[in-house]
Amino acid sequence: MKLLNSINNKVRASTPFIRSHPFAVKGFSLIDILIGLLIGAFAIIVMLQVFAVSEGQKRTTTSTSDAQTNGIVALFELERDISQSGYGISTFNLIGCNVSGVALPSGVTLPMAPVTINPNSAFIPAGDANTDTLLVVYGNSASSPEGDGITGQTGNTGYTVQTPTSFVVGENVIAEPLVNSTPCSLILDQITTINTANQNVTVQTGATGMTNGKLFNLGPAPTIRAYAVRSGNLTVCDYTATNDCRNLANWLPFVSNIVSFRAEYGLDTNVPMDAIADNYSQALPSPSPSVACSYRRISALRFVVITRSNQYEKTAVTTAAPTWIGNAAINLTANPNWQNYRYTLLQTVAPIRNISWLGVQSGC
């Protein structure tokens, strides 16, 4: 017993006395908490600033990429149509004539030319400021582009042709007399019936005086397509889709953020012609000796498409107007904040191959 008590006393002596008092508990003071909150807020601000800068760079990169994609699409569509232009209408006696008729809206007369820059604004309304409009024409017939001989005529609408089997009911045709007027005015007509037994082709409207002339076949769905930049979009209107392009409601946007389109003819000015573009101009050469010669001198079309990023920048990121071939500046001042956007310029030269393939025209 004495031994047990002795052991207990030694244990008590070796155990330190712990004083229980509320001020002996350690922790964070109010000042410590406020300092921690301040440091945390500062860290959050830094992270948000880094995120904002990164997100801005991402939007700039993405919007620039979208603008380039839009420009490529617009360039491809325009180049495809321009390269096909003139198919079926490039023969010397037909090209350059003014054409109206049942396949066009009433009161509309358009030039039968492969491409026309800024055609008559009464039929192709102007686009946005400092932009060009374009009219592209080509047929889709499998018949000869040189036309079929008209050997006789019955009334206004019946043409006796050499090869009636080269025509199909519903196709669009243009009858041209042996001696055309200056300037020539023709009718874009449609075939209603074909009688192969007597080699007769009947059209819807017709015109007199076509014996010994030619009947040109533009096919079931010729293209008479107009392009213009409207409200920052590249828009298109197709006259042969029963649309009257004088009505802006018939213009359909198909590529966005296009702020400018400019074009120039590539003209063969050599005498005699060699089918090579010698200079570029928006003006056709004087119609000497004929309007057809002026259009036959167009061997290419040079054009540029300007796309704009949809990301508005707080500072001026474009300090000078973009320039295209020939150092010609593109006027973008129609938008007072034009310098706060980034732009992509795409340009090319599209050959008018259906003109070049016809070779050099004697007498031009």
Protein backbone atom coordinates (compact mmCIF):
# COMPACT_ATOMS: atom_id res chain seq x y z
CA MET A 1 0.00 0.00 0.00
CA LYS A 2 2.78 2.34 0.86
CA LEU A 3 4.43 1.42 -2.41
CA LEU A 4 1.26 2.28 -4.39
CA ASN A 5 0.88 5.64 -2.69
CA SER A 6 4.50 6.46 -3.42
CA ILE A 7 4.03 5.71 -7.13
CA ASN A 8 0.92 7.91 -7.30
CA ASN A 9 2.72 10.80 -5.68
CA LYS A 10 5.56 10.54 -8.18
CA VAL A 11 3.09 10.55 -11.11
CA ARG A 12 1.37 13.65 -9.80
CA ALA A 13 4.69 15.36 -9.32
CA SER A 14 5.80 14.57 -12.88
CA THR A 15 2.52 15.82 -14.55
CA PRO A 16 2.56 19.59 -15.25
CA PHE A 17 -0.32 21.64 -13.97
CA ILE A 18 -2.54 22.97 -16.77
CA ARG A 19 -4.32 26.12 -15.86
CA SER A 20 -7.68 26.53 -17.50
CA HIS A 21 -8.20 30.17 -18.54
CA PRO A 22 -10.07 31.61 -21.58
CA PHE A 23 -7.23 33.97 -22.55
CA ALA A 24 -4.89 31.04 -22.90
CA VAL A 25 -6.71 29.84 -26.19
CA LYS A 26 -4.89 31.05 -29.37
CA GLY A 27 -6.79 32.08 -32.74
CA PHE A 28 -7.29 34.79 -35.48
CA SER A 29 -8.08 38.29 -34.53
CA LEU A 30 -10.46 40.57 -36.48
CA ILE A 31 -7.47 42.35 -38.03
CA ASP A 32 -6.04 39.02 -39.18
CA ILE A 33 -9.36 38.13 -40.85
CA LEU A 34 -9.61 41.51 -42.61
CA ILE A 35 -6.06 41.22 -43.92
CA GLY A 36 -6.83 37.72 -45.23
CA LEU A 37 -9.96 38.96 -46.98
CA LEU A 38 -7.97 41.80 -48.58
CA ILE A 39 -5.32 39.41 -49.90
CA GLY A 40 -8.01 37.05 -51.23
CA ALA A 41 -9.86 39.89 -52.95
CA PHE A 42 -6.64 41.08 -54.56
CA ALA A 43 -5.93 37.55 -55.83
CA ILE A 44 -9.46 37.29 -57.28
CA ILE A 45 -9.06 40.66 -59.04
CA VAL A 46 -5.78 39.52 -60.60
CA MET A 47 -7.34 36.27 -61.77
CA LEU A 48 -10.34 38.09 -63.26
CA GLN A 49 -8.06 40.50 -65.10
CA VAL A 50 -6.04 37.61 -66.52
CA PHE A 51 -9.27 35.89 -67.55
CA ALA A 52 -10.63 39.09 -69.16
CA VAL A 53 -7.42 39.58 -71.18
CA SER A 54 -7.41 35.94 -72.22
CA GLU A 55 -11.09 36.04 -73.17
CA GLY A 56 -10.57 39.24 -75.18
CA GLN A 57 -7.69 37.67 -77.09
CA LYS A 58 -9.81 34.59 -77.68
CA ARG A 59 -12.71 36.67 -79.05
CA THR A 60 -10.34 38.63 -81.29
CA THR A 61 -8.77 35.45 -82.64
CA THR A 62 -12.14 33.73 -83.12
CA SER A 63 -13.78 36.73 -84.79
CA THR A 64 -10.78 37.18 -87.10
CA SER A 65 -10.97 33.52 -88.06
CA ASP A 66 -14.71 33.86 -88.73
CA ALA A 67 -14.06 36.92 -90.91
CA GLN A 68 -11.47 34.99 -92.94
CA THR A 69 -13.91 32.11 -93.39
CA ASN A 70 -16.64 34.48 -94.53
CA GLY A 71 -14.25 36.09 -97.00
CA ILE A 72 -13.20 32.73 -98.42
CA VAL A 73 -16.84 31.69 -98.91
CA ALA A 74 -17.66 34.99 -100.64
CA LEU A 75 -14.54 34.79 -102.81
CA PHE A 76 -15.34 31.22 -103.84
CA GLU A 77 -18.96 31.97 -104.75
CA LEU A 78 -18.06 35.04 -106.78
CA GLU A 79 -15.15 33.38 -108.55
CA ARG A 80 -17.26 30.34 -109.44
CA ASP A 81 -19.97 32.47 -111.06
CA ILE A 82 -17.48 34.76 -112.80
CA SER A 83 -15.58 31.81 -114.24
CA GLN A 84 -18.80 30.40 -115.73
CA SER A 85 -20.01 33.76 -117.01
CA GLY A 86 -20.59 34.12 -120.72
CA TYR A 87 -21.40 30.46 -121.38
CA GLY A 88 -23.89 30.32 -124.24
CA ILE A 89 -24.03 34.09 -124.76
CA SER A 90 -20.52 34.94 -125.93
CA THR A 91 -21.08 34.68 -129.66
CA PHE A 92 -20.21 37.96 -131.33
CA ASN A 93 -23.72 38.76 -132.64
CA LEU A 94 -25.37 38.25 -129.25
CA ILE A 95 -22.97 39.62 -126.68
CA GLY A 96 -23.69 43.16 -125.52
CA CYS A 97 -27.31 43.24 -126.68
CA ASN A 98 -30.01 44.56 -124.37
CA VAL A 99 -32.41 41.77 -123.45
CA SER A 100 -35.92 41.79 -122.03
CA GLY A 101 -38.74 39.22 -122.24
CA VAL A 102 -40.94 36.68 -120.56
CA ALA A 103 -38.10 35.20 -118.52
CA LEU A 104 -37.50 38.60 -116.91
CA PRO A 105 -39.82 40.87 -114.90
CA SER A 106 -41.89 43.33 -116.92
CA GLY A 107 -40.02 46.51 -117.74
CA VAL A 108 -36.56 45.09 -117.06
CA THR A 109 -33.86 45.26 -119.74
CA LEU A 110 -30.43 43.88 -118.93
CA PRO A 111 -27.16 43.66 -120.88
CA MET A 112 -26.46 40.22 -122.32
CA ALA A 113 -22.82 40.28 -121.23
CA PRO A 114 -20.72 37.85 -119.16
CA VAL A 115 -20.13 40.33 -116.33
CA THR A 116 -21.20 43.92 -115.84
CA ILE A 117 -19.77 46.09 -113.08
CA ASN A 118 -22.27 48.58 -111.64
CA PRO A 119 -25.05 47.95 -114.19
CA ASN A 120 -27.96 50.33 -114.60
CA SER A 121 -29.02 51.29 -111.07
CA ALA A 122 -32.65 51.40 -112.20
CA PHE A 123 -32.56 47.57 -112.37
CA ILE A 124 -29.72 46.75 -109.94
CA PRO A 125 -30.01 49.16 -106.97
CA ALA A 126 -26.72 50.40 -105.57
CA GLY A 127 -25.30 48.68 -102.49
CA ASP A 128 -23.61 50.16 -99.43
CA ALA A 129 -21.52 53.29 -99.85
CA ASN A 130 -18.17 52.84 -101.63
CA THR A 131 -19.02 49.34 -102.89
CA ASP A 132 -19.65 47.93 -106.37
CA THR A 133 -22.47 45.81 -107.74
CA LEU A 134 -22.01 42.98 -110.22
CA LEU A 135 -24.26 41.28 -112.78
CA VAL A 136 -23.26 37.81 -113.99
CA VAL A 137 -24.93 36.04 -116.92
CA TYR A 138 -24.51 32.52 -118.32
CA GLY A 139 -26.64 29.73 -119.73
CA ASN A 140 -26.75 26.00 -119.00
CA SER A 141 -27.67 24.52 -122.36
CA ALA A 142 -26.01 21.48 -123.90
CA SER A 143 -26.59 22.92 -127.38
CA SER A 144 -24.08 24.75 -129.53
CA PRO A 145 -23.25 28.22 -128.17
CA GLU A 146 -23.16 29.50 -131.75
CA GLY A 147 -26.93 29.12 -132.13
CA ASP A 148 -29.10 27.21 -134.58
CA GLY A 149 -29.97 28.63 -137.98
CA ILE A 150 -33.53 29.94 -138.50
CA THR A 151 -34.59 29.01 -142.06
CA GLY A 152 -38.14 30.32 -141.89
CA GLN A 153 -40.79 31.82 -139.67
CA THR A 154 -44.51 31.34 -139.06
CA GLY A 155 -46.06 34.43 -137.53
CA ASN A 156 -44.21 35.91 -134.60
CA THR A 157 -43.80 32.78 -132.53
CA GLY A 158 -42.92 29.95 -134.92
CA TYR A 159 -39.29 29.47 -135.95
CA THR A 160 -38.22 26.83 -138.46
CA VAL A 161 -34.76 25.74 -137.37
CA GLN A 162 -32.09 23.47 -138.79
CA THR A 163 -31.83 21.20 -135.72
CA PRO A 164 -35.07 21.11 -133.70
CA THR A 165 -33.84 18.13 -131.67
CA SER A 166 -31.31 20.42 -129.97
CA PHE A 167 -34.16 22.20 -128.17
CA VAL A 168 -36.48 21.11 -125.34
CA VAL A 169 -39.82 22.55 -124.28
CA GLY A 170 -39.34 25.03 -121.43
CA GLU A 171 -35.84 26.07 -122.41
CA ASN A 172 -34.94 29.75 -122.65
CA VAL A 173 -33.96 31.01 -126.10
CA ILE A 174 -33.04 34.26 -127.82
CA ALA A 175 -33.83 34.79 -131.50
CA GLU A 176 -31.51 37.14 -133.35
CA PRO A 177 -32.06 38.53 -136.88
CA LEU A 178 -29.48 38.29 -139.63
CA VAL A 179 -28.81 42.02 -139.42
CA ASN A 180 -29.09 43.40 -135.93
CA SER A 181 -29.89 46.95 -134.94
CA THR A 182 -27.48 49.20 -133.07
CA PRO A 183 -27.87 49.03 -130.17
CA CYS A 184 -29.46 45.61 -130.44
CA SER A 185 -32.55 44.80 -128.38
CA LEU A 186 -33.63 41.15 -128.13
CA ILE A 187 -36.14 38.99 -126.27
CA LEU A 188 -35.34 36.25 -123.79
CA ASP A 189 -38.13 33.83 -124.68
CA GLN A 190 -39.31 30.36 -123.67
CA ILE A 191 -40.14 27.36 -125.88
CA THR A 192 -43.75 26.20 -125.66
CA THR A 193 -43.87 23.42 -128.30
CA ILE A 194 -41.54 21.60 -130.69
CA ASN A 195 -42.61 19.88 -133.92
CA THR A 196 -39.70 17.84 -135.24
CA ALA A 197 -41.66 16.81 -138.35
CA ASN A 198 -41.68 20.32 -139.80
CA GLN A 199 -38.63 21.45 -137.78
CA ASN A 200 -40.67 24.10 -136.03
CA VAL A 201 -39.97 25.58 -132.60
CA THR A 202 -42.74 27.69 -131.08
CA VAL A 203 -41.94 30.30 -128.43
CA GLN A 204 -44.14 32.22 -126.04
CA THR A 205 -43.66 35.77 -127.38
CA GLY A 206 -41.51 35.78 -130.50
CA ALA A 207 -40.45 38.59 -132.82
CA THR A 208 -40.71 39.22 -136.55
CA GLY A 209 -37.87 39.34 -139.06
CA MET A 210 -35.89 36.37 -137.80
CA THR A 211 -35.59 34.39 -141.06
CA ASN A 212 -31.91 33.61 -141.81
CA GLY A 213 -31.07 34.62 -138.27
CA LYS A 214 -30.15 32.35 -135.36
CA LEU A 215 -31.90 30.90 -132.32
CA PHE A 216 -29.65 30.75 -129.27
CA ASN A 217 -30.40 28.24 -126.52
CA LEU A 218 -29.61 29.35 -122.94
CA GLY A 219 -30.99 26.14 -121.44
CA PRO A 220 -33.73 25.43 -118.90
CA ALA A 221 -32.17 27.47 -116.09
CA PRO A 222 -29.85 30.28 -117.21
CA THR A 223 -28.24 32.41 -114.54
CA ILE A 224 -28.77 36.16 -114.41
CA ARG A 225 -27.45 36.88 -110.95
CA ALA A 226 -26.70 40.20 -109.27
CA TYR A 227 -24.41 40.75 -106.28
CA ALA A 228 -24.24 43.72 -103.93
CA VAL A 229 -23.06 44.54 -100.40
CA ARG A 230 -26.06 45.60 -98.33
CA SER A 231 -26.02 46.42 -94.60
CA GLY A 232 -22.66 44.72 -94.18
CA ASN A 233 -23.68 41.49 -95.93
CA LEU A 234 -22.93 40.15 -99.39
CA THR A 235 -26.38 39.73 -100.92
CA VAL A 236 -27.57 38.09 -104.12
CA CYS A 237 -30.63 38.36 -106.34
CA ASP A 238 -31.39 36.02 -109.24
CA TYR A 239 -33.56 37.50 -111.98
CA THR A 240 -34.34 34.09 -113.45
CA ALA A 241 -35.84 32.87 -110.18
CA THR A 242 -38.92 35.03 -110.89
CA ASN A 243 -37.41 37.76 -108.75
CA ASP A 244 -37.52 41.44 -109.55
CA CYS A 245 -34.21 42.72 -108.23
CA ARG A 246 -35.51 46.28 -108.24
CA ASN A 247 -37.29 45.22 -105.04
CA LEU A 248 -34.73 45.06 -102.22
CA ALA A 249 -36.89 42.47 -100.45
CA ASN A 250 -35.78 39.96 -103.13
CA TRP A 251 -32.10 40.33 -102.21
CA LEU A 252 -30.93 37.48 -99.99
CA PRO A 253 -27.89 37.81 -97.68
CA PHE A 254 -25.65 34.75 -97.80
CA VAL A 255 -22.31 35.91 -96.35
CA SER A 256 -22.17 38.18 -93.29
CA ASN A 257 -19.65 40.85 -92.24
CA ILE A 258 -18.72 41.79 -95.82
CA VAL A 259 -18.08 45.54 -95.76
CA SER A 260 -16.81 46.12 -99.29
CA PHE A 261 -16.67 44.60 -102.75
CA ARG A 262 -14.77 46.26 -105.58
CA ALA A 263 -14.15 45.00 -109.13
CA GLU A 264 -12.35 45.95 -112.34
CA TYR A 265 -12.43 44.59 -115.87
CA GLY A 266 -9.26 42.98 -117.18
CA LEU A 267 -9.15 44.45 -120.69
CA ASP A 268 -7.33 43.23 -123.77
CA THR A 269 -6.36 46.53 -125.39
CA ASN A 270 -4.09 45.14 -128.09
CA VAL A 271 -4.96 45.58 -131.77
CA PRO A 272 -5.41 42.90 -132.92
CA MET A 273 -6.60 41.25 -129.71
CA ASP A 274 -4.51 38.51 -128.07
CA ALA A 275 -6.93 37.45 -125.27
CA ILE A 276 -4.55 38.72 -122.54
CA ALA A 277 -5.55 41.39 -120.02
CA ASP A 278 -3.28 44.41 -120.53
CA ASN A 279 -4.81 46.75 -117.95
CA TYR A 280 -7.65 46.94 -115.48
CA SER A 281 -10.44 49.46 -115.31
CA GLN A 282 -14.07 49.81 -114.25
CA ALA A 283 -14.81 51.45 -117.58
CA LEU A 284 -15.26 49.47 -120.77
CA PRO A 285 -13.32 50.67 -123.81
CA SER A 286 -15.28 52.79 -126.25
CA PRO A 287 -17.64 50.63 -128.33
CA SER A 288 -15.59 50.82 -131.50
CA PRO A 289 -16.40 49.41 -133.94
CA SER A 290 -19.22 47.82 -131.91
CA VAL A 291 -20.51 47.23 -128.39
CA ALA A 292 -19.75 43.54 -128.87
CA CYS A 293 -16.07 44.36 -129.32
CA SER A 294 -16.04 46.18 -125.98
CA TYR A 295 -17.40 43.15 -124.14
CA ARG A 296 -15.21 40.74 -126.09
CA ARG A 297 -12.17 42.61 -124.78
CA ILE A 298 -12.99 41.53 -121.21
CA SER A 299 -10.66 38.60 -120.64
CA ALA A 300 -10.70 38.62 -116.82
CA LEU A 301 -12.23 40.27 -113.78
CA ARG A 302 -10.13 41.51 -110.88
CA PHE A 303 -12.04 41.85 -107.61
CA VAL A 304 -11.57 42.19 -103.87
CA VAL A 305 -13.71 41.25 -100.88
CA ILE A 306 -13.22 42.99 -97.51
CA THR A 307 -14.50 41.22 -94.41
CA ARG A 308 -14.74 42.72 -90.94
CA SER A 309 -14.33 41.08 -87.57
CA ASN A 310 -17.48 41.39 -85.45
CA GLN A 311 -15.34 42.20 -82.39
CA TYR A 312 -15.42 45.92 -81.58
CA GLU A 313 -12.10 47.04 -80.08
CA LYS A 314 -11.89 49.86 -77.53
CA THR A 315 -8.88 51.35 -79.28
CA ALA A 316 -8.18 51.99 -82.96
CA VAL A 317 -6.64 48.75 -84.25
CA THR A 318 -6.81 49.66 -87.96
CA THR A 319 -4.95 52.89 -88.49
CA ALA A 320 -4.97 52.91 -92.30
CA ALA A 321 -7.51 51.80 -94.88
CA PRO A 322 -6.66 48.42 -96.47
CA THR A 323 -5.41 48.55 -100.04
CA TRP A 324 -5.78 46.05 -102.86
CA ILE A 325 -4.02 45.43 -106.17
CA GLY A 326 -2.63 48.64 -107.57
CA ASN A 327 -2.41 50.24 -104.08
CA ALA A 328 -6.00 51.42 -104.33
CA ALA A 329 -7.36 52.19 -100.85
CA ILE A 330 -10.70 50.73 -99.80
CA ASN A 331 -12.90 53.49 -98.41
CA LEU A 332 -14.49 52.27 -95.16
CA THR A 333 -15.46 55.63 -93.70
CA ALA A 334 -19.18 54.96 -94.12
CA ASN A 335 -18.87 53.49 -90.61
CA PRO A 336 -17.52 56.26 -88.31
CA ASN A 337 -15.98 53.61 -86.02
CA TRP A 338 -14.30 51.67 -88.83
CA GLN A 339 -10.86 51.92 -87.19
CA ASN A 340 -12.07 49.97 -84.15
CA TYR A 341 -12.45 46.77 -86.16
CA ARG A 342 -10.03 44.33 -87.77
CA TYR A 343 -10.33 43.56 -91.50
CA THR A 344 -9.37 40.78 -93.85
CA LEU A 345 -8.73 41.54 -97.52
CA LEU A 346 -9.08 38.78 -100.12
CA GLN A 347 -8.46 39.45 -103.79
CA THR A 348 -8.04 37.48 -106.97
CA VAL A 349 -8.22 37.64 -110.75
CA ALA A 350 -10.86 35.39 -112.30
CA PRO A 351 -10.48 34.61 -116.02
CA ILE A 352 -13.55 35.02 -118.22
CA ARG A 353 -12.73 31.75 -119.93
CA ASN A 354 -15.83 31.56 -122.14
CA ILE A 355 -14.64 34.75 -123.82
CA SER A 356 -11.00 33.69 -124.09
CA TRP A 357 -11.90 30.29 -125.56
CA LEU A 358 -13.59 32.01 -128.50
CA GLY A 359 -10.20 33.34 -129.51
CA VAL A 360 -9.25 36.63 -131.05
CA GLN A 361 -12.11 38.47 -132.73
CA SER A 362 -11.13 39.90 -136.07
CA GLY A 363 -12.15 43.49 -136.59
CA CYS A 364 -11.97 44.44 -132.89
